[in-house]
N, C-alpha and C. Protein backbone atom coordinates (compact mmCIF):
# COMPACT_ATOMS: atom_id res chain seq x y z
N UNK A 1 -91.79 5.42 -29.90
CA UNK A 1 -90.36 5.56 -29.68
C UNK A 1 -89.54 5.16 -30.90
N UNK A 2 -90.01 4.16 -31.58
CA UNK A 2 -89.30 3.70 -32.77
C UNK A 2 -89.26 4.78 -33.85
N UNK A 3 -90.35 5.55 -33.96
CA UNK A 3 -90.36 6.63 -34.95
C UNK A 3 -89.31 7.69 -34.63
N UNK A 4 -89.17 8.02 -33.39
CA UNK A 4 -88.15 9.01 -32.99
C UNK A 4 -86.78 8.47 -33.23
N UNK A 5 -86.55 7.22 -32.92
CA UNK A 5 -85.24 6.62 -33.14
C UNK A 5 -84.91 6.58 -34.63
N UNK A 6 -85.86 6.27 -35.48
CA UNK A 6 -85.65 6.26 -36.93
C UNK A 6 -85.38 7.68 -37.46
N UNK A 7 -86.08 8.63 -36.88
CA UNK A 7 -85.87 10.04 -37.29
C UNK A 7 -84.48 10.51 -36.92
N UNK A 8 -84.01 10.13 -35.73
CA UNK A 8 -82.67 10.52 -35.31
C UNK A 8 -81.62 9.84 -36.18
N UNK A 9 -81.78 8.60 -36.51
CA UNK A 9 -80.84 7.87 -37.39
C UNK A 9 -80.80 8.50 -38.76
N UNK A 10 -81.95 8.96 -39.22
CA UNK A 10 -81.98 9.60 -40.56
C UNK A 10 -81.34 10.99 -40.55
N UNK A 11 -81.52 11.72 -39.45
CA UNK A 11 -81.05 13.11 -39.39
C UNK A 11 -79.60 13.21 -38.96
N UNK A 12 -79.07 12.18 -38.31
CA UNK A 12 -77.72 12.24 -37.76
C UNK A 12 -76.66 12.55 -38.83
N UNK A 13 -76.59 11.84 -39.95
CA UNK A 13 -75.57 12.18 -40.96
C UNK A 13 -75.76 13.59 -41.56
N UNK A 14 -77.01 13.99 -41.72
CA UNK A 14 -77.24 15.33 -42.23
C UNK A 14 -76.81 16.41 -41.24
N UNK A 15 -77.04 16.16 -39.97
CA UNK A 15 -76.65 17.11 -38.94
C UNK A 15 -75.15 17.26 -38.90
N UNK A 16 -74.42 16.12 -38.90
CA UNK A 16 -72.96 16.18 -38.84
C UNK A 16 -72.35 16.78 -40.10
N UNK A 17 -72.96 16.52 -41.23
CA UNK A 17 -72.44 17.08 -42.49
C UNK A 17 -72.63 18.63 -42.48
N UNK A 18 -73.79 19.06 -42.00
CA UNK A 18 -74.04 20.51 -41.94
C UNK A 18 -73.12 21.17 -40.93
N UNK A 19 -72.92 20.52 -39.78
CA UNK A 19 -72.02 21.08 -38.77
C UNK A 19 -70.61 21.15 -39.28
N UNK A 20 -70.15 20.10 -40.00
CA UNK A 20 -68.77 20.11 -40.56
C UNK A 20 -68.64 21.22 -41.60
N UNK A 21 -69.66 21.38 -42.44
CA UNK A 21 -69.61 22.41 -43.46
C UNK A 21 -69.57 23.81 -42.84
N UNK A 22 -70.38 24.04 -41.83
CA UNK A 22 -70.41 25.33 -41.15
C UNK A 22 -69.09 25.63 -40.46
N UNK A 23 -68.48 24.59 -39.85
CA UNK A 23 -67.20 24.79 -39.21
C UNK A 23 -66.09 25.14 -40.25
N UNK A 24 -66.16 24.51 -41.40
CA UNK A 24 -65.19 24.82 -42.45
C UNK A 24 -65.38 26.24 -42.96
N UNK A 25 -66.63 26.68 -43.11
CA UNK A 25 -66.89 28.06 -43.56
C UNK A 25 -66.39 29.04 -42.51
N UNK A 26 -66.62 28.78 -41.26
CA UNK A 26 -66.15 29.67 -40.19
C UNK A 26 -64.62 29.72 -40.16
N UNK A 27 -63.98 28.59 -40.33
CA UNK A 27 -62.51 28.55 -40.31
C UNK A 27 -61.94 29.32 -41.50
N UNK A 28 -62.58 29.19 -42.66
CA UNK A 28 -62.15 29.93 -43.84
C UNK A 28 -62.29 31.42 -43.68
N UNK A 29 -63.42 31.84 -43.13
CA UNK A 29 -63.67 33.27 -42.89
C UNK A 29 -62.71 33.82 -41.83
N UNK A 30 -62.40 33.02 -40.82
CA UNK A 30 -61.42 33.46 -39.80
C UNK A 30 -60.04 33.59 -40.42
N UNK A 31 -59.66 32.68 -41.33
CA UNK A 31 -58.36 32.76 -41.96
C UNK A 31 -58.28 33.98 -42.87
N UNK A 32 -59.36 34.26 -43.57
CA UNK A 32 -59.37 35.47 -44.41
C UNK A 32 -59.31 36.75 -43.58
N UNK A 33 -60.01 36.74 -42.45
CA UNK A 33 -59.96 37.94 -41.56
C UNK A 33 -58.54 38.12 -41.02
N UNK A 34 -57.91 37.04 -40.61
CA UNK A 34 -56.53 37.15 -40.10
C UNK A 34 -55.56 37.63 -41.17
N UNK A 35 -55.73 37.11 -42.40
CA UNK A 35 -54.86 37.56 -43.48
C UNK A 35 -55.10 39.03 -43.81
N UNK A 36 -56.35 39.43 -43.81
CA UNK A 36 -56.67 40.86 -44.08
C UNK A 36 -56.04 41.75 -43.02
N UNK A 37 -56.19 41.39 -41.73
CA UNK A 37 -55.64 42.19 -40.68
C UNK A 37 -54.11 42.20 -40.70
N UNK A 38 -53.54 41.07 -41.08
CA UNK A 38 -52.06 41.02 -41.17
C UNK A 38 -51.56 41.97 -42.24
N UNK A 39 -52.22 41.97 -43.41
CA UNK A 39 -51.76 42.86 -44.47
C UNK A 39 -52.14 44.29 -44.22
N UNK A 40 -53.20 44.50 -43.42
CA UNK A 40 -53.63 45.89 -43.16
C UNK A 40 -52.69 46.59 -42.18
N UNK A 41 -52.06 45.84 -41.29
CA UNK A 41 -51.20 46.46 -40.29
C UNK A 41 -49.74 46.40 -40.59
N UNK A 42 -49.35 45.94 -41.76
CA UNK A 42 -47.91 45.94 -42.15
C UNK A 42 -47.64 47.27 -42.82
N UNK A 43 -46.85 48.13 -42.19
CA UNK A 43 -46.62 49.46 -42.74
C UNK A 43 -45.40 49.53 -43.69
N UNK A 44 -45.48 48.85 -44.82
CA UNK A 44 -44.34 48.88 -45.74
C UNK A 44 -44.12 50.30 -46.29
N UNK A 45 -45.18 50.90 -46.72
CA UNK A 45 -45.03 52.22 -47.37
C UNK A 45 -44.59 53.27 -46.36
N UNK A 46 -45.13 53.24 -45.17
CA UNK A 46 -44.77 54.23 -44.13
C UNK A 46 -43.31 54.04 -43.71
N UNK A 47 -42.83 52.82 -43.70
CA UNK A 47 -41.45 52.58 -43.27
C UNK A 47 -40.51 53.21 -44.28
N UNK A 48 -40.78 53.01 -45.57
CA UNK A 48 -39.89 53.56 -46.59
C UNK A 48 -39.95 55.09 -46.59
N UNK A 49 -41.12 55.66 -46.35
CA UNK A 49 -41.20 57.14 -46.25
C UNK A 49 -40.43 57.63 -45.04
N UNK A 50 -40.48 56.86 -43.94
CA UNK A 50 -39.76 57.28 -42.74
C UNK A 50 -38.25 57.30 -43.01
N UNK A 51 -37.76 56.27 -43.69
CA UNK A 51 -36.32 56.27 -44.03
C UNK A 51 -36.01 57.42 -45.00
N UNK A 52 -36.92 57.72 -45.90
CA UNK A 52 -36.67 58.82 -46.84
C UNK A 52 -36.55 60.12 -46.09
N UNK A 53 -37.48 60.41 -45.16
CA UNK A 53 -37.43 61.65 -44.43
C UNK A 53 -36.23 61.70 -43.48
N UNK A 54 -35.86 60.55 -42.89
CA UNK A 54 -34.68 60.53 -42.06
C UNK A 54 -33.44 60.86 -42.87
N UNK A 55 -33.35 60.29 -44.04
CA UNK A 55 -32.20 60.55 -44.92
C UNK A 55 -32.20 62.01 -45.37
N UNK A 56 -33.40 62.53 -45.65
CA UNK A 56 -33.49 63.93 -46.06
C UNK A 56 -33.03 64.85 -44.94
N UNK A 57 -33.43 64.57 -43.69
CA UNK A 57 -33.00 65.35 -42.56
C UNK A 57 -31.50 65.26 -42.32
N UNK A 58 -30.95 64.05 -42.55
CA UNK A 58 -29.52 63.85 -42.37
C UNK A 58 -28.73 64.68 -43.41
N UNK A 59 -29.21 64.70 -44.67
CA UNK A 59 -28.48 65.45 -45.67
C UNK A 59 -28.63 66.95 -45.44
N UNK A 60 -29.79 67.37 -44.90
CA UNK A 60 -29.94 68.79 -44.58
C UNK A 60 -29.05 69.16 -43.43
N UNK A 61 -28.91 68.27 -42.45
CA UNK A 61 -28.04 68.59 -41.30
C UNK A 61 -26.56 68.58 -41.68
N UNK A 62 -26.20 67.83 -42.69
CA UNK A 62 -24.79 67.75 -43.07
C UNK A 62 -24.38 68.95 -43.94
N UNK A 63 -25.33 69.68 -44.44
CA UNK A 63 -24.98 70.88 -45.23
C UNK A 63 -24.36 71.94 -44.34
N UNK A 64 -23.59 72.84 -44.90
CA UNK A 64 -22.94 73.85 -44.09
C UNK A 64 -23.92 74.95 -43.67
N UNK A 65 -24.95 75.20 -44.47
CA UNK A 65 -25.87 76.25 -44.09
C UNK A 65 -26.99 75.61 -43.26
N UNK A 66 -27.49 76.40 -42.30
CA UNK A 66 -28.54 75.94 -41.41
C UNK A 66 -29.83 76.61 -41.79
N UNK A 67 -30.91 76.08 -41.23
CA UNK A 67 -32.26 76.63 -41.49
C UNK A 67 -32.33 78.06 -41.04
N UNK A 68 -31.75 78.39 -39.89
CA UNK A 68 -31.81 79.74 -39.38
C UNK A 68 -31.01 80.68 -40.27
N UNK A 69 -29.89 80.20 -40.79
CA UNK A 69 -29.07 81.01 -41.68
C UNK A 69 -29.81 81.27 -43.00
N UNK A 70 -30.58 80.27 -43.47
CA UNK A 70 -31.32 80.48 -44.69
C UNK A 70 -32.42 81.52 -44.53
N UNK A 71 -32.92 81.70 -43.28
CA UNK A 71 -33.94 82.73 -43.01
C UNK A 71 -33.32 84.14 -42.99
N UNK A 72 -31.98 84.19 -42.96
CA UNK A 72 -31.34 85.50 -42.94
C UNK A 72 -31.04 86.01 -41.54
N UNK A 73 -31.14 85.17 -40.55
CA UNK A 73 -30.84 85.57 -39.17
C UNK A 73 -29.36 85.37 -38.92
N UNK A 74 -28.80 86.16 -37.97
CA UNK A 74 -27.36 86.02 -37.66
C UNK A 74 -27.07 84.74 -36.89
N UNK A 75 -26.05 84.02 -37.34
CA UNK A 75 -25.67 82.77 -36.69
C UNK A 75 -24.15 82.81 -36.43
N UNK A 76 -23.71 81.94 -35.49
CA UNK A 76 -22.28 81.88 -35.20
C UNK A 76 -21.63 80.78 -36.04
N UNK A 77 -20.39 80.42 -35.71
CA UNK A 77 -19.70 79.39 -36.50
C UNK A 77 -20.34 78.02 -36.40
N UNK A 78 -21.08 77.71 -35.31
CA UNK A 78 -21.69 76.43 -35.15
C UNK A 78 -23.13 76.37 -35.76
N UNK A 79 -23.60 77.45 -36.27
CA UNK A 79 -24.96 77.48 -36.83
C UNK A 79 -26.03 77.83 -35.83
N UNK A 80 -25.60 78.27 -34.64
CA UNK A 80 -26.56 78.65 -33.58
C UNK A 80 -26.91 80.11 -33.72
N UNK A 81 -28.11 80.44 -33.34
CA UNK A 81 -28.61 81.84 -33.43
C UNK A 81 -27.87 82.75 -32.48
N UNK A 82 -27.39 83.86 -33.00
CA UNK A 82 -26.69 84.86 -32.15
C UNK A 82 -27.68 85.73 -31.42
N UNK A 83 -27.43 85.89 -30.14
CA UNK A 83 -28.31 86.71 -29.34
C UNK A 83 -27.50 87.95 -28.93
N UNK A 84 -28.10 89.12 -29.14
CA UNK A 84 -27.44 90.33 -28.66
C UNK A 84 -26.73 91.08 -29.62
């Protein structure tokens, strides 16, 4: 029994040091994974393109000519397609 007790006393600091080191490694990897996912799902570029296309559509809509009129189809004063 004394041999087992001595072995446990000798291994206890090594066990806790290894467990502490492994927990730190896991926490670091989890932090890196969270940071990666955070930066992966932030759509900075898509947001600016969205505003660009919205502004482009707004300027096209504010012009006096409409898309249908540019195709050469008959339109009325409001830019709606004439039927008949």
